[in-house]
């Protein structure tokens, strides 16, 4: 059973995977914002998801999906690249300054089977060909959800914003084992490496993805919530 926030996350994923014209593209970055206000709202049975293109270019696009539920606003943004356009360009600027450093703490390993991928893509309607080959690429949306669920998710206080970012450096394939390391004591800076790659982790050669989470307490979140509805 998914937590309510993760259920809404899945609904946002569905709205993004149903956008046509990006078959064969890769996700370079995902960003989830959860803004919670202290405003009362009894209209919790109706949600309407809005999609918008933030950027649309020949080789890259940025698309967001947002909704409001109760007193909380949700926005999921995906940054897409054609396979010939590798991660690390302008689309990822000012996000991460480096990779693994000495002192990272091992957390756990992850491995996704073709059945895991099939179940997720069927539940979200993701028909991207890269997830349906003989050795499929693990959906970025699936790994993002797992890290939020396993390491990050917590109750969000009123008048605050939680922001989660995952940057993808190299694809993860079905059956491939990756190791997850924590870069600080809060479990909110996380990196995934090819199994056995920690000792040679300088640069991005062994890096699969990087994850960062932050909380911002602000009365301004009420204004953001009002404007979104």
Protein backbone atom coordinates (compact mmCIF):
# COMPACT_ATOMS: atom_id res chain seq x y z
CA UNK A 1 0.00 0.00 0.00
CA UNK A 2 1.44 3.36 -1.02
CA UNK A 3 1.42 6.30 1.36
CA UNK A 4 -1.06 9.00 0.21
CA UNK A 5 1.78 11.22 -1.03
CA UNK A 6 3.29 8.35 -3.01
CA UNK A 7 -0.12 7.52 -4.49
CA UNK A 8 -0.37 11.10 -5.73
CA UNK A 9 3.21 10.81 -7.01
CA UNK A 10 2.12 7.81 -9.10
CA UNK A 11 -0.76 9.84 -10.53
CA UNK A 12 1.67 12.60 -11.53
CA UNK A 13 3.93 9.99 -13.13
CA UNK A 14 1.02 8.65 -15.17
CA UNK A 15 0.24 12.11 -16.49
CA UNK A 16 3.85 12.60 -17.62
CA UNK A 17 4.39 9.17 -19.16
CA UNK A 18 1.25 9.63 -21.27
CA UNK A 19 2.71 12.65 -23.07
CA UNK A 20 3.52 11.63 -26.65
CA UNK A 21 6.59 12.39 -28.72
CA UNK A 22 9.36 11.20 -26.37
CA UNK A 23 9.68 7.50 -27.13
CA UNK A 24 13.33 6.48 -26.74
CA UNK A 25 14.25 9.55 -24.68
CA UNK A 26 15.94 9.29 -21.28
CA UNK A 27 15.17 11.08 -18.04
CA UNK A 28 18.18 13.18 -17.04
CA UNK A 29 16.69 14.65 -13.88
CA UNK A 30 13.56 14.48 -11.72
CA UNK A 31 12.37 17.03 -9.18
CA UNK A 32 9.46 16.68 -6.77
CA UNK A 33 8.14 19.61 -4.72
CA UNK A 34 5.62 19.13 -1.92
CA UNK A 35 4.25 22.40 -0.51
CA UNK A 36 2.07 22.17 2.57
CA UNK A 37 0.09 25.10 3.94
CA UNK A 38 -1.90 25.61 7.10
CA UNK A 39 -5.01 26.43 5.09
CA UNK A 40 -8.08 24.25 5.60
CA UNK A 41 -9.54 22.63 2.49
CA UNK A 42 -12.41 20.16 2.63
CA UNK A 43 -12.37 19.47 -1.11
CA UNK A 44 -10.05 16.52 -0.80
CA UNK A 45 -11.97 14.14 -3.06
CA UNK A 46 -11.18 15.96 -6.31
CA UNK A 47 -7.76 16.31 -7.88
CA UNK A 48 -6.94 17.82 -11.24
CA UNK A 49 -3.47 17.37 -12.70
CA UNK A 50 -2.09 20.08 -14.97
CA UNK A 51 0.83 19.48 -17.31
CA UNK A 52 2.97 22.23 -18.78
CA UNK A 53 6.06 22.44 -20.96
CA UNK A 54 8.76 24.50 -19.29
CA UNK A 55 11.24 23.95 -22.13
CA UNK A 56 10.88 22.18 -25.47
CA UNK A 57 13.91 21.78 -27.73
CA UNK A 58 15.05 19.36 -30.40
CA UNK A 59 17.22 17.35 -28.01
CA UNK A 60 15.85 18.24 -24.58
CA UNK A 61 12.56 19.08 -22.91
CA UNK A 62 11.38 19.96 -19.42
CA UNK A 63 7.79 19.09 -18.46
CA UNK A 64 5.99 19.40 -15.15
CA UNK A 65 2.78 17.98 -13.69
CA UNK A 66 1.12 19.58 -10.68
CA UNK A 67 -1.94 19.10 -8.54
CA UNK A 68 -3.40 20.20 -5.19
CA UNK A 69 -4.86 17.82 -2.66
CA UNK A 70 -6.21 18.98 0.68
CA UNK A 71 -3.88 21.67 1.93
CA UNK A 72 -0.89 20.39 -0.06
CA UNK A 73 0.43 21.20 -3.52
CA UNK A 74 2.50 18.71 -5.52
CA UNK A 75 4.69 19.33 -8.57
CA UNK A 76 6.74 16.72 -10.40
CA UNK A 77 9.14 17.94 -13.08
CA UNK A 78 11.06 15.74 -15.52
CA UNK A 79 14.04 16.77 -17.62
CA UNK A 80 14.28 14.69 -20.81
CA UNK A 81 17.20 14.13 -23.18
CA UNK A 82 17.56 12.29 -26.46
CA UNK A 83 20.08 9.42 -26.15
CA UNK A 84 22.69 11.27 -28.23
CA UNK A 85 22.60 14.17 -25.76
CA UNK A 86 24.43 12.95 -22.67
CA UNK A 87 23.64 14.05 -19.10
CA UNK A 88 25.86 16.72 -17.62
CA UNK A 89 25.14 19.58 -20.02
CA UNK A 90 23.27 22.82 -19.41
CA UNK A 91 20.09 20.96 -18.51
CA UNK A 92 21.79 19.83 -15.28
CA UNK A 93 23.61 23.04 -14.42
CA UNK A 94 23.97 24.12 -10.79
CA UNK A 95 22.57 20.87 -9.46
CA UNK A 96 25.51 18.86 -8.17
CA UNK A 97 29.13 19.92 -7.93
CA UNK A 98 30.71 16.51 -7.52
CA UNK A 99 30.30 12.81 -6.92
CA UNK A 100 31.13 10.40 -4.12
CA UNK A 101 33.65 11.52 -1.51
CA UNK A 102 35.62 9.66 1.10
CA UNK A 103 33.51 8.96 4.15
CA UNK A 104 30.32 7.99 2.34
CA UNK A 105 28.26 5.47 4.33
CA UNK A 106 26.97 2.33 2.63
CA UNK A 107 23.17 1.94 3.05
CA UNK A 108 21.94 -0.96 0.92
CA UNK A 109 21.91 -2.51 -2.54
CA UNK A 110 19.20 -2.32 -5.17
CA UNK A 111 18.46 -4.66 -8.04
CA UNK A 112 15.44 -4.54 -10.34
CA UNK A 113 14.14 -7.50 -12.32
CA UNK A 114 12.31 -7.36 -15.63
CA UNK A 115 9.16 -8.21 -13.65
CA UNK A 116 9.68 -5.20 -11.38
CA UNK A 117 9.98 -2.97 -14.44
CA UNK A 118 6.99 -4.57 -16.16
CA UNK A 119 4.78 -4.12 -13.09
CA UNK A 120 5.74 -0.46 -12.73
CA UNK A 121 5.37 0.44 -16.41
CA UNK A 122 2.00 -1.29 -16.62
CA UNK A 123 0.72 0.54 -13.53
CA UNK A 124 1.89 3.94 -14.85
CA UNK A 125 1.21 3.40 -18.57
CA UNK A 126 4.87 4.01 -19.48
CA UNK A 127 5.31 2.70 -23.04
CA UNK A 128 8.81 4.11 -23.64
CA UNK A 129 10.68 1.51 -25.69
CA UNK A 130 13.78 1.68 -23.47
CA UNK A 131 11.78 -0.02 -20.68
CA UNK A 132 10.49 -2.83 -22.89
CA UNK A 133 13.61 -4.26 -24.54
CA UNK A 134 15.17 -7.66 -23.82
CA UNK A 135 17.36 -5.95 -21.20
CA UNK A 136 15.23 -2.95 -20.23
CA UNK A 137 16.38 0.26 -18.60
CA UNK A 138 15.00 0.70 -15.09
CA UNK A 139 12.54 3.65 -15.08
CA UNK A 140 13.90 6.71 -13.34
CA UNK A 141 10.45 7.28 -11.84
CA UNK A 142 10.66 3.86 -10.15
CA UNK A 143 14.07 4.47 -8.56
CA UNK A 144 13.04 7.96 -7.49
CA UNK A 145 9.95 6.57 -5.76
CA UNK A 146 11.94 3.85 -4.02
CA UNK A 147 14.50 6.25 -2.56
CA UNK A 148 11.82 8.62 -1.27
CA UNK A 149 9.94 5.68 0.23
CA UNK A 150 12.97 3.91 1.75
CA UNK A 151 15.10 6.80 2.96
CA UNK A 152 13.47 10.18 2.85
CA UNK A 153 9.72 10.28 3.35
CA UNK A 154 8.50 11.96 6.53
CA UNK A 155 5.57 14.06 7.66
CA UNK A 156 5.85 17.56 6.23
CA UNK A 157 5.02 20.41 8.64
CA UNK A 158 2.58 23.17 7.68
CA UNK A 159 3.89 26.20 5.79
CA UNK A 160 6.88 24.35 4.42
CA UNK A 161 8.19 22.94 1.15
CA UNK A 162 10.02 19.66 0.67
CA UNK A 163 12.09 19.40 -2.50
CA UNK A 164 13.62 16.17 -3.81
CA UNK A 165 15.98 15.97 -6.80
CA UNK A 166 17.49 12.97 -8.58
CA UNK A 167 20.05 13.44 -11.35
CA UNK A 168 20.75 10.45 -13.61
CA UNK A 169 24.32 10.00 -14.85
CA UNK A 170 24.21 6.51 -16.39
CA UNK A 171 21.34 4.08 -17.08
CA UNK A 172 20.57 1.21 -14.74
CA UNK A 173 19.56 -2.02 -16.49
CA UNK A 174 17.38 -4.90 -15.33
CA UNK A 175 19.44 -7.34 -13.28
CA UNK A 176 22.19 -4.82 -12.59
CA UNK A 177 23.12 -4.37 -8.94
CA UNK A 178 23.75 -0.87 -7.64
CA UNK A 179 25.06 0.22 -4.24
CA UNK A 180 23.51 3.16 -2.37
CA UNK A 181 25.69 5.43 -0.22
CA UNK A 182 24.74 8.21 2.15
CA UNK A 183 26.93 11.31 1.87
CA UNK A 184 25.86 12.98 5.12
CA UNK A 185 24.23 12.16 8.45
CA UNK A 186 20.68 13.10 7.42
CA UNK A 187 20.14 10.49 4.67
CA UNK A 188 19.19 13.33 2.32
CA UNK A 189 22.28 13.28 0.11
CA UNK A 190 22.51 9.90 -1.56
CA UNK A 191 24.43 8.45 -4.47
CA UNK A 192 24.07 5.21 -6.43
CA UNK A 193 27.13 3.45 -7.83
CA UNK A 194 27.75 0.44 -9.96
CA UNK A 195 28.27 -2.46 -7.53
CA UNK A 196 31.87 -2.53 -6.39
CA UNK A 197 32.51 0.95 -7.73
CA UNK A 198 33.03 2.86 -4.49
CA UNK A 199 36.83 2.65 -4.52
CA UNK A 200 36.96 4.13 -8.03
CA UNK A 201 34.12 6.60 -7.70
CA UNK A 202 35.88 9.84 -8.52
CA UNK A 203 34.29 11.49 -11.55
CA UNK A 204 31.06 10.11 -12.97
CA UNK A 205 32.24 6.86 -14.55
CA UNK A 206 30.66 4.60 -11.93
CA UNK A 207 27.89 6.95 -10.85
CA UNK A 208 24.35 5.91 -11.73
CA UNK A 209 22.43 8.72 -10.05
CA UNK A 210 22.65 11.35 -7.33
CA UNK A 211 19.85 12.34 -4.97
CA UNK A 212 19.30 15.40 -2.80
CA UNK A 213 16.45 16.39 -0.48
CA UNK A 214 15.79 19.61 1.38
CA UNK A 215 13.07 21.22 3.51
CA UNK A 216 12.24 24.92 3.44
CA UNK A 217 10.01 26.46 6.10
CA UNK A 218 8.26 29.49 4.68
CA UNK A 219 4.98 31.34 5.17
CA UNK A 220 5.15 32.08 1.46
CA UNK A 221 4.04 28.50 0.74
CA UNK A 222 0.44 29.64 1.40
CA UNK A 223 0.73 32.10 -1.49
CA UNK A 224 2.20 29.42 -3.76
CA UNK A 225 -0.64 27.08 -2.88
CA UNK A 226 -3.32 29.68 -3.62
CA UNK A 227 -1.80 30.45 -7.02
CA UNK A 228 -1.65 26.78 -7.98
CA UNK A 229 -5.32 26.02 -7.39
